[in-house]
Amino acid sequence: MMEIGLQTFTLHRLLRKPGDLDRRFAELAAMGLRNLELAVDYLPLSFSIETAKIISAAAKKHGLQIRSCQIKYATSSKDIKNTIAYMQTLGAEILVNSTIDLKLLNQGERGLKQYCDMLENLQAKLAPAGIALAHHNHHFEFMRVGNGNVLSFMAKYTSINFALDTYWCQKGGGNALTLLDDLRGRVPVMHLRDYTITRAGLVRGGIDSEIGRGNIPFGAVLKAAGAAGVRYGMVEQKTKTPMESIRISLDALGLS
């Protein structure tokens, strides 16, 4: 059964200094949350073992577990020993690769194959430490390539996992339900974000919103996620009212 948690990008505006961790983690625990995915590149701390110890202590104090960390490839691949130590100090088992390399994406299949090889190499270095690599999609991955799209290309030419993001799937024209079936067993974590059209977005397109206030059928998504073996569903949203938005999403999921 998939466990619900929070992707900390949602409250990155509230994490301005190390002391903010204790306060915000306490508020999350009070909402009944127990699982977190850290948006590492948005934290007000260096990427170091010392930082991981600070975060780990704050999480344990409030009964929270760091399940996964979202980290840019340039950061995670720069010093593998440091990356592994950082993850192990936190107790995190899944490294979520933040975003695809757009320069390589623009080179077509040749560039994509190179990127796939880069991720395979990173996974090979992480696996002996018990850390799984999962690529996080945006809308870029739904650009057509050959007879499919970027995401299907990556699934074919790698053995890595994926961190499906419901909002970006919708925005890119993908279907989270069919993707969960296509990638069954390869999606350990998902980002749960709704998609809505506002009057301001009639020209620009949709934005992410609280779960239950958009167009994504989350009842069906959660059922499909369970069948596909997804372990963690991390609530996420780009919002100016993060704590309120988190509560609304948890209410919609029946967890508050």
C-alpha atoms as a PDB file:
ATOM      1  CA  MET A   1       0.000   0.000   0.000  1.00  0.00           C
ATOM      2  CA  MET A   2       1.345   3.432  -0.954  1.00  0.00           C
ATOM      3  CA  GLU A   3       2.251   5.696   1.969  1.00  0.00           C
ATOM      4  CA  ILE A   4       1.579   9.433   1.718  1.00  0.00           C
ATOM      5  CA  GLY A   5       4.209  12.062   2.473  1.00  0.00           C
ATOM      6  CA  LEU A   6       5.359  15.540   1.478  1.00  0.00           C
ATOM      7  CA  GLN A   7       7.833  16.824  -1.087  1.00  0.00           C
ATOM      8  CA  THR A   8       9.562  19.708   0.711  1.00  0.00           C
ATOM      9  CA  PHE A   9       9.634  21.916  -2.392  1.00  0.00           C
ATOM     10  CA  THR A  10       6.098  22.742  -1.302  1.00  0.00           C
ATOM     11  CA  LEU A  11       7.367  24.709   1.691  1.00  0.00           C
ATOM     12  CA  HIS A  12      10.789  25.811   0.433  1.00  0.00           C
ATOM     13  CA  ARG A  13       9.776  29.474   0.849  1.00  0.00           C
ATOM     14  CA  LEU A  14       9.426  28.761   4.573  1.00  0.00           C
ATOM     15  CA  LEU A  15      12.805  27.044   4.886  1.00  0.00           C
ATOM     16  CA  ARG A  16      15.095  30.051   4.873  1.00  0.00           C
ATOM     17  CA  LYS A  17      17.497  29.076   7.648  1.00  0.00           C
ATOM     18  CA  PRO A  18      18.466  25.885   9.527  1.00  0.00           C
ATOM     19  CA  GLY A  19      16.249  26.768  12.487  1.00  0.00           C
ATOM     20  CA  ASP A  20      13.172  26.665  10.264  1.00  0.00           C
ATOM     21  CA  LEU A  21      13.483  22.880   9.933  1.00  0.00           C
ATOM     22  CA  ASP A  22      12.423  22.183  13.513  1.00  0.00           C
ATOM     23  CA  ARG A  23       9.384  24.467  13.361  1.00  0.00           C
ATOM     24  CA  ARG A  24       8.110  23.243  10.006  1.00  0.00           C
ATOM     25  CA  PHE A  25       8.775  19.582  10.705  1.00  0.00           C
ATOM     26  CA  ALA A  26       6.773  19.938  13.922  1.00  0.00           C
ATOM     27  CA  GLU A  27       3.848  21.409  11.947  1.00  0.00           C
ATOM     28  CA  LEU A  28       3.981  18.593   9.396  1.00  0.00           C
ATOM     29  CA  ALA A  29       4.018  15.951  12.117  1.00  0.00           C
ATOM     30  CA  ALA A  30       0.995  17.620  13.738  1.00  0.00           C
ATOM     31  CA  MET A  31      -0.864  17.138  10.433  1.00  0.00           C
ATOM     32  CA  GLY A  32      -0.201  13.415  10.642  1.00  0.00           C
ATOM     33  CA  LEU A  33       2.563  13.294   8.029  1.00  0.00           C
ATOM     34  CA  ARG A  34       5.353  10.787   8.574  1.00  0.00           C
ATOM     35  CA  ASN A  35       7.191  10.636   5.242  1.00  0.00           C
ATOM     36  CA  LEU A  36       9.263  13.258   3.430  1.00  0.00           C
ATOM     37  CA  GLU A  37      11.095  13.706   0.173  1.00  0.00           C
ATOM     38  CA  LEU A  38      13.707  16.433   0.454  1.00  0.00           C
ATOM     39  CA  ALA A  39      14.047  18.969  -2.346  1.00  0.00           C
ATOM     40  CA  VAL A  40      17.766  19.147  -1.616  1.00  0.00           C
ATOM     41  CA  ASP A  41      18.675  21.931  -4.035  1.00  0.00           C
ATOM     42  CA  TYR A  42      16.150  24.247  -2.349  1.00  0.00           C
ATOM     43  CA  LEU A  43      17.371  23.738   1.213  1.00  0.00           C
ATOM     44  CA  PRO A  44      19.215  26.591   2.992  1.00  0.00           C
ATOM     45  CA  LEU A  45      22.100  24.235   3.755  1.00  0.00           C
ATOM     46  CA  SER A  46      25.147  22.858   1.989  1.00  0.00           C
ATOM     47  CA  PHE A  47      25.169  19.410   0.439  1.00  0.00           C
ATOM     48  CA  SER A  48      27.245  17.720   3.123  1.00  0.00           C
ATOM     49  CA  ILE A  49      27.198  14.997   5.752  1.00  0.00           C
ATOM     50  CA  GLU A  50      27.042  17.691   8.453  1.00  0.00           C
ATOM     51  CA  THR A  51      23.866  19.049   6.857  1.00  0.00           C
ATOM     52  CA  ALA A  52      22.370  15.553   6.616  1.00  0.00           C
ATOM     53  CA  LYS A  53      22.979  15.067  10.344  1.00  0.00           C
ATOM     54  CA  ILE A  54      21.108  18.308  11.130  1.00  0.00           C
ATOM     55  CA  ILE A  55      18.145  17.340   8.945  1.00  0.00           C
ATOM     56  CA  SER A  56      18.088  13.782  10.243  1.00  0.00           C
ATOM     57  CA  ALA A  57      18.036  14.951  13.864  1.00  0.00           C
ATOM     58  CA  ALA A  58      15.165  17.371  13.182  1.00  0.00           C
ATOM     59  CA  ALA A  59      13.184  14.686  11.351  1.00  0.00           C
ATOM     60  CA  LYS A  60      13.665  12.053  14.058  1.00  0.00           C
ATOM     61  CA  LYS A  61      12.678  14.549  16.745  1.00  0.00           C
ATOM     62  CA  HIS A  62       9.238  14.827  15.144  1.00  0.00           C
ATOM     63  CA  GLY A  63       8.785  11.239  14.028  1.00  0.00           C
ATOM     64  CA  LEU A  64       9.435  11.940  10.342  1.00  0.00           C
ATOM     65  CA  GLN A  65      11.309   9.685   7.955  1.00  0.00           C
ATOM     66  CA  ILE A  66      13.257  10.892   4.927  1.00  0.00           C
ATOM     67  CA  ARG A  67      12.316   8.371   2.260  1.00  0.00           C
ATOM     68  CA  SER A  68      13.823  10.047  -0.787  1.00  0.00           C
ATOM     69  CA  CYS A  69      15.883  13.030  -1.872  1.00  0.00           C
ATOM     70  CA  GLN A  70      15.398  15.006  -5.078  1.00  0.00           C
ATOM     71  CA  ILE A  71      18.794  16.179  -6.276  1.00  0.00           C
ATOM     72  CA  LYS A  72      20.064  17.662  -9.534  1.00  0.00           C
ATOM     73  CA  TYR A  73      22.351  15.377 -11.553  1.00  0.00           C
ATOM     74  CA  ALA A  74      25.222  17.880 -11.416  1.00  0.00           C
ATOM     75  CA  THR A  75      25.065  17.782  -7.614  1.00  0.00           C
ATOM     76  CA  SER A  76      24.559  14.058  -7.072  1.00  0.00           C
ATOM     77  CA  SER A  77      27.157  12.893  -9.622  1.00  0.00           C
ATOM     78  CA  LYS A  78      29.902  15.330  -8.634  1.00  0.00           C
ATOM     79  CA  ASP A  79      31.042  13.434  -5.535  1.00  0.00           C
ATOM     80  CA  ILE A  80      29.471   9.980  -5.318  1.00  0.00           C
ATOM     81  CA  LYS A  81      30.973   9.174  -1.919  1.00  0.00           C
ATOM     82  CA  ASN A  82      29.481  12.358  -0.468  1.00  0.00           C
ATOM     83  CA  THR A  83      26.114  11.675  -2.122  1.00  0.00           C
ATOM     84  CA  ILE A  84      25.957   8.151  -0.714  1.00  0.00           C
ATOM     85  CA  ALA A  85      27.005   9.335   2.752  1.00  0.00           C
ATOM     86  CA  TYR A  86      24.400  12.112   2.636  1.00  0.00           C
ATOM     87  CA  MET A  87      21.637   9.674   1.688  1.00  0.00           C
ATOM     88  CA  GLN A  88      22.670   7.051   4.227  1.00  0.00           C
ATOM     89  CA  THR A  89      22.895   9.596   7.032  1.00  0.00           C
ATOM     90  CA  LEU A  90      19.294  10.567   6.288  1.00  0.00           C
ATOM     91  CA  GLY A  91      18.181   6.962   5.895  1.00  0.00           C
ATOM     92  CA  ALA A  92      16.891   7.762   2.378  1.00  0.00           C
ATOM     93  CA  GLU A  93      16.753   4.891  -0.113  1.00  0.00           C
ATOM     94  CA  ILE A  94      15.628   6.681  -3.282  1.00  0.00           C
ATOM     95  CA  LEU A  95      17.561   9.401  -5.107  1.00  0.00           C
ATOM     96  CA  VAL A  96      15.187  11.298  -7.375  1.00  0.00           C
ATOM     97  CA  ASN A  97      16.963  12.880 -10.332  1.00  0.00           C
ATOM     98  CA  SER A  98      15.469  16.372 -10.546  1.00  0.00           C
ATOM     99  CA  THR A  99      15.286  17.119 -14.228  1.00  0.00           C
ATOM    100  CA  ILE A 100      16.458  16.046 -17.654  1.00  0.00           C
ATOM    101  CA  ASP A 101      19.435  17.754 -19.300  1.00  0.00           C
ATOM    102  CA  LEU A 102      17.777  20.100 -21.802  1.00  0.00           C
ATOM    103  CA  LYS A 103      20.960  20.564 -23.855  1.00  0.00           C
ATOM    104  CA  LEU A 104      21.134  16.842 -24.488  1.00  0.00           C
ATOM    105  CA  LEU A 105      17.367  16.676 -25.025  1.00  0.00           C
ATOM    106  CA  ASN A 106      17.720  19.227 -27.828  1.00  0.00           C
ATOM    107  CA  GLN A 107      20.210  16.936 -29.586  1.00  0.00           C
ATOM    108  CA  GLY A 108      17.507  14.383 -30.283  1.00  0.00           C
ATOM    109  CA  GLU A 109      17.989  10.634 -29.964  1.00  0.00           C
ATOM    110  CA  ARG A 110      21.793  10.877 -29.857  1.00  0.00           C
ATOM    111  CA  GLY A 111      21.691  13.291 -26.933  1.00  0.00           C
ATOM    112  CA  LEU A 112      19.002  11.285 -25.162  1.00  0.00           C
ATOM    113  CA  LYS A 113      21.020   8.087 -25.459  1.00  0.00           C
ATOM    114  CA  GLN A 114      23.986   9.875 -23.927  1.00  0.00           C
ATOM    115  CA  TYR A 115      21.787  11.056 -21.073  1.00  0.00           C
ATOM    116  CA  CYS A 116      20.446   7.549 -20.523  1.00  0.00           C
ATOM    117  CA  ASP A 117      24.019   6.264 -20.301  1.00  0.00           C
ATOM    118  CA  MET A 118      24.820   8.948 -17.722  1.00  0.00           C
ATOM    119  CA  LEU A 119      21.891   7.853 -15.552  1.00  0.00           C
ATOM    120  CA  GLU A 120      22.803   4.179 -15.924  1.00  0.00           C
ATOM    121  CA  ASN A 121      26.325   4.975 -14.775  1.00  0.00           C
ATOM    122  CA  LEU A 122      25.033   6.928 -11.783  1.00  0.00           C
ATOM    123  CA  GLN A 123      22.687   4.095 -10.852  1.00  0.00           C
ATOM    124  CA  ALA A 124      25.537   1.574 -11.024  1.00  0.00           C
ATOM    125  CA  LYS A 125      27.485   3.631  -8.493  1.00  0.00           C
ATOM    126  CA  LEU A 126      24.532   4.057  -6.129  1.00  0.00           C
ATOM    127  CA  ALA A 127      23.168   0.512  -6.230  1.00  0.00           C
ATOM    128  CA  PRO A 128      25.910  -1.156  -4.118  1.00  0.00           C
ATOM    129  CA  ALA A 129      24.960   1.235  -1.301  1.00  0.00           C
ATOM    130  CA  GLY A 130      21.316   0.178  -1.530  1.00  0.00           C
ATOM    131  CA  ILE A 131      20.201   3.444  -3.140  1.00  0.00           C
ATOM    132  CA  ALA A 132      17.771   3.371  -6.065  1.00  0.00           C
ATOM    133  CA  LEU A 133      17.771   6.038  -8.777  1.00  0.00           C
ATOM    134  CA  ALA A 134      14.453   7.394 -10.061  1.00  0.00           C
ATOM    135  CA  HIS A 135      14.112  10.044 -12.773  1.00  0.00           C
ATOM    136  CA  HIS A 136      11.568  12.790 -12.110  1.00  0.00           C
ATOM    137  CA  ASN A 137       9.603  13.907 -15.157  1.00  0.00           C
ATOM    138  CA  HIS A 138       8.447  17.330 -16.227  1.00  0.00           C
ATOM    139  CA  HIS A 139       6.440  18.032 -19.382  1.00  0.00           C
ATOM    140  CA  PHE A 140       9.655  17.764 -21.435  1.00  0.00           C
ATOM    141  CA  GLU A 141       9.495  13.981 -21.314  1.00  0.00           C
ATOM    142  CA  PHE A 142       6.333  13.961 -23.431  1.00  0.00           C
ATOM    143  CA  MET A 143       8.019  15.473 -26.475  1.00  0.00           C
ATOM    144  CA  ARG A 144       7.750  13.066 -29.400  1.00  0.00           C
ATOM    145  CA  VAL A 145      10.803  10.966 -30.229  1.00  0.00           C
ATOM    146  CA  GLY A 146      10.581   8.378 -32.997  1.00  0.00           C
ATOM    147  CA  ASN A 147       7.417   6.332 -32.501  1.00  0.00           C
ATOM    148  CA  GLY A 148       7.081   7.348 -28.851  1.00  0.00           C
ATOM    149  CA  ASN A 149       8.172  10.081 -26.521  1.00  0.00           C
ATOM    150  CA  VAL A 150      11.168  10.933 -24.354  1.00  0.00           C
ATOM    151  CA  LEU A 151       9.808   9.040 -21.348  1.00  0.00           C
ATOM    152  CA  SER A 152       9.237   5.831 -23.303  1.00  0.00           C
ATOM    153  CA  PHE A 153      12.699   6.243 -24.844  1.00  0.00           C
ATOM    154  CA  MET A 154      14.247   6.495 -21.388  1.00  0.00           C
ATOM    155  CA  ALA A 155      12.280   3.491 -20.173  1.00  0.00           C
ATOM    156  CA  LYS A 156      13.581   1.457 -23.121  1.00  0.00           C
ATOM    157  CA  TYR A 157      17.236   2.463 -22.910  1.00  0.00           C
ATOM    158  CA  THR A 158      17.690   2.405 -19.128  1.00  0.00           C
ATOM    159  CA  SER A 159      16.915   0.115 -16.218  1.00  0.00           C
ATOM    160  CA  ILE A 160      16.406   3.023 -13.809  1.00  0.00           C
ATOM    161  CA  ASN A 161      13.213   3.792 -11.944  1.00  0.00           C
ATOM    162  CA  PHE A 162      10.921   6.787 -12.388  1.00  0.00           C
ATOM    163  CA  ALA A 163       9.306   9.311 -10.053  1.00  0.00           C
ATOM    164  CA  LEU A 164       6.114  10.167 -11.900  1.00  0.00           C
ATOM    165  CA  ASP A 165       4.731  13.652 -11.275  1.00  0.00           C
ATOM    166  CA  THR A 166       0.971  13.775 -11.829  1.00  0.00           C
ATOM    167  CA  TYR A 167       0.912  17.513 -12.616  1.00  0.00           C
ATOM    168  CA  TRP A 168       3.695  17.397 -15.184  1.00  0.00           C
ATOM    169  CA  CYS A 169       2.209  14.279 -16.775  1.00  0.00           C
ATOM    170  CA  GLN A 170      -1.062  16.149 -17.281  1.00  0.00           C
ATOM    171  CA  LYS A 171       0.656  19.315 -18.487  1.00  0.00           C
ATOM    172  CA  GLY A 172       2.701  17.346 -21.012  1.00  0.00           C
ATOM    173  CA  GLY A 173      -0.304  15.480 -22.381  1.00  0.00           C
ATOM    174  CA  GLY A 174       0.578  12.212 -20.695  1.00  0.00           C
ATOM    175  CA  ASN A 175      -1.694   9.912 -18.728  1.00  0.00           C
ATOM    176  CA  ALA A 176      -0.573   8.933 -15.223  1.00  0.00           C
ATOM    177  CA  LEU A 177      -2.915   5.920 -15.221  1.00  0.00           C
ATOM    178  CA  THR A 178      -1.506   4.306 -18.349  1.00  0.00           C
ATOM    179  CA  LEU A 179       2.039   5.277 -17.397  1.00  0.00           C
ATOM    180  CA  LEU A 180       1.720   3.513 -14.059  1.00  0.00           C
ATOM    181  CA  ASP A 181       0.708   0.393 -15.944  1.00  0.00           C
ATOM    182  CA  ASP A 182       3.479   0.763 -18.543  1.00  0.00           C
ATOM    183  CA  LEU A 183       6.106   1.349 -15.832  1.00  0.00           C
ATOM    184  CA  ARG A 184       4.726  -1.159 -13.339  1.00  0.00           C
ATOM    185  CA  GLY A 185       7.407  -2.013 -10.777  1.00  0.00           C
ATOM    186  CA  ARG A 186       9.600   0.931 -11.817  1.00  0.00           C
ATOM    187  CA  VAL A 187       7.856   3.752  -9.927  1.00  0.00           C
ATOM    188  CA  PRO A 188       8.875   3.648  -6.237  1.00  0.00           C
ATOM    189  CA  VAL A 189       7.726   7.208  -5.583  1.00  0.00           C
ATOM    190  CA  MET A 190       5.250   9.673  -7.098  1.00  0.00           C
ATOM    191  CA  HIS A 191       4.687  13.405  -6.757  1.00  0.00           C
ATOM    192  CA  LEU A 192       1.003  14.078  -6.175  1.00  0.00           C
ATOM    193  CA  ARG A 193      -0.020  17.442  -7.614  1.00  0.00           C
ATOM    194  CA  ASP A 194      -3.333  18.442  -9.138  1.00  0.00           C
ATOM    195  CA  TYR A 195      -3.777  20.400 -12.376  1.00  0.00           C
ATOM    196  CA  THR A 196      -6.280  23.198 -12.874  1.00  0.00           C
ATOM    197  CA  ILE A 197      -7.194  25.889 -15.393  1.00  0.00           C
ATOM    198  CA  THR A 198      -7.905  29.357 -14.054  1.00  0.00           C
ATOM    199  CA  ARG A 199      -9.118  32.448 -15.884  1.00  0.00           C
ATOM    200  CA  ALA A 200      -5.586  33.807 -15.759  1.00  0.00           C
ATOM    201  CA  GLY A 201      -4.404  30.633 -17.428  1.00  0.00           C
ATOM    202  CA  LEU A 202      -6.783  30.575 -20.368  1.00  0.00           C
ATOM    203  CA  VAL A 203      -3.870  31.565 -22.596  1.00  0.00           C
ATOM    204  CA  ARG A 204      -0.825  30.389 -20.585  1.00  0.00           C
ATOM    205  CA  GLY A 205      -2.302  27.008 -19.683  1.00  0.00           C
ATOM    206  CA  GLY A 206      -2.881  25.166 -16.433  1.00  0.00           C
ATOM    207  CA  ILE A 207      -1.121  25.410 -13.099  1.00  0.00           C
ATOM    208  CA  ASP A 208      -0.724  23.009 -10.212  1.00  0.00           C
ATOM    209  CA  SER A 209      -3.212  23.174  -7.379  1.00  0.00           C
ATOM    210  CA  GLU A 210      -4.273  21.472  -4.176  1.00  0.00           C
ATOM    211  CA  ILE A 211      -5.405  17.891  -4.644  1.00  0.00           C
ATOM    212  CA  GLY A 212      -9.135  17.809  -5.237  1.00  0.00           C
ATOM    213  CA  ARG A 213      -9.231  21.299  -6.711  1.00  0.00           C
ATOM    214  CA  GLY A 214      -8.093  20.334 -10.168  1.00  0.00           C
ATOM    215  CA  ASN A 215      -8.886  17.887 -12.945  1.00  0.00           C
ATOM    216  CA  ILE A 216      -6.794  14.824 -12.113  1.00  0.00           C
ATOM    217  CA  PRO A 217      -8.829  11.771 -10.979  1.00  0.00           C
ATOM    218  CA  PHE A 218      -6.827  11.020  -7.857  1.00  0.00           C
ATOM    219  CA  GLY A 219      -9.079   8.202  -6.718  1.00  0.00           C
ATOM    220  CA  ALA A 220      -8.147   6.267  -9.849  1.00  0.00           C
ATOM    221  CA  VAL A 221      -4.512   7.385  -9.654  1.00  0.00           C
ATOM    222  CA  LEU A 222      -4.103   6.136  -6.090  1.00  0.00           C
ATOM    223  CA  LYS A 223      -5.692   2.797  -6.981  1.00  0.00           C
ATOM    224  CA  ALA A 224      -3.407   2.426 -10.014  1.00  0.00           C
ATOM    225  CA  ALA A 225      -0.382   3.445  -7.960  1.00  0.00           C
ATOM    226  CA  GLY A 226      -1.116   0.723  -5.433  1.00  0.00           C
ATOM    227  CA  ALA A 227      -1.432  -1.869  -8.193  1.00  0.00           C
ATOM    228  CA  ALA A 228       1.834  -0.678  -9.774  1.00  0.00           C
ATOM    229  CA  GLY A 229       3.811  -1.058  -6.565  1.00  0.00           C
ATOM    230  CA  VAL A 230       4.371   2.622  -5.772  1.00  0.00           C
ATOM    231  CA  ARG A 231       5.728   2.874  -2.227  1.00  0.00           C
ATOM    232  CA  TYR A 232       5.403   6.606  -1.536  1.00  0.00           C
ATOM    233  CA  GLY A 233       3.131   9.363  -2.813  1.00  0.00           C
ATOM    234  CA  MET A 234       4.599  12.760  -1.984  1.00  0.00           C
ATOM    235  CA  VAL A 235       2.197  15.707  -1.983  1.00  0.00           C
ATOM    236  CA  GLU A 236       3.719  18.688  -3.763  1.00  0.00           C
ATOM    237  CA  GLN A 237       2.646  22.107  -4.977  1.00  0.00           C
ATOM    238  CA  LYS A 238       4.089  25.463  -5.971  1.00  0.00           C
ATOM    239  CA  THR A 239       1.998  27.675  -3.699  1.00  0.00           C
ATOM    240  CA  LYS A 240       2.161  30.951  -1.809  1.00  0.00           C
ATOM    241  CA  THR A 241       0.252  29.389   1.110  1.00  0.00           C
ATOM    242  CA  PRO A 242       2.092  26.097   1.651  1.00  0.00           C
ATOM    243  CA  MET A 243       0.769  25.043   5.057  1.00  0.00           C
ATOM    244  CA  GLU A 244      -2.832  25.761   4.083  1.00  0.00           C
ATOM    245  CA  SER A 245      -2.386  24.040   0.734  1.00  0.00           C
ATOM    246  CA  ILE A 246      -0.892  20.954   2.370  1.00  0.00           C
ATOM    247  CA  ARG A 247      -3.906  20.697   4.687  1.00  0.00           C
ATOM    248  CA  ILE A 248      -6.325  20.986   1.759  1.00  0.00           C
ATOM    249  CA  SER A 249      -4.517  18.245  -0.159  1.00  0.00           C
ATOM    250  CA  LEU A 250      -4.388  15.949   2.859  1.00  0.00           C
ATOM    251  CA  ASP A 251      -8.109  16.535   3.426  1.00  0.00           C
ATOM    252  CA  ALA A 252      -8.793  15.488  -0.161  1.00  0.00           C
ATOM    253  CA  LEU A 253      -6.735  12.340   0.377  1.00  0.00           C
ATOM    254  CA  GLY A 254      -8.644  11.635   3.583  1.00  0.00           C
ATOM    255  CA  LEU A 255      -5.554  11.923   5.769  1.00  0.00           C
ATOM    256  CA  SER A 256      -6.184  14.952   7.972  1.00  0.00           C
END
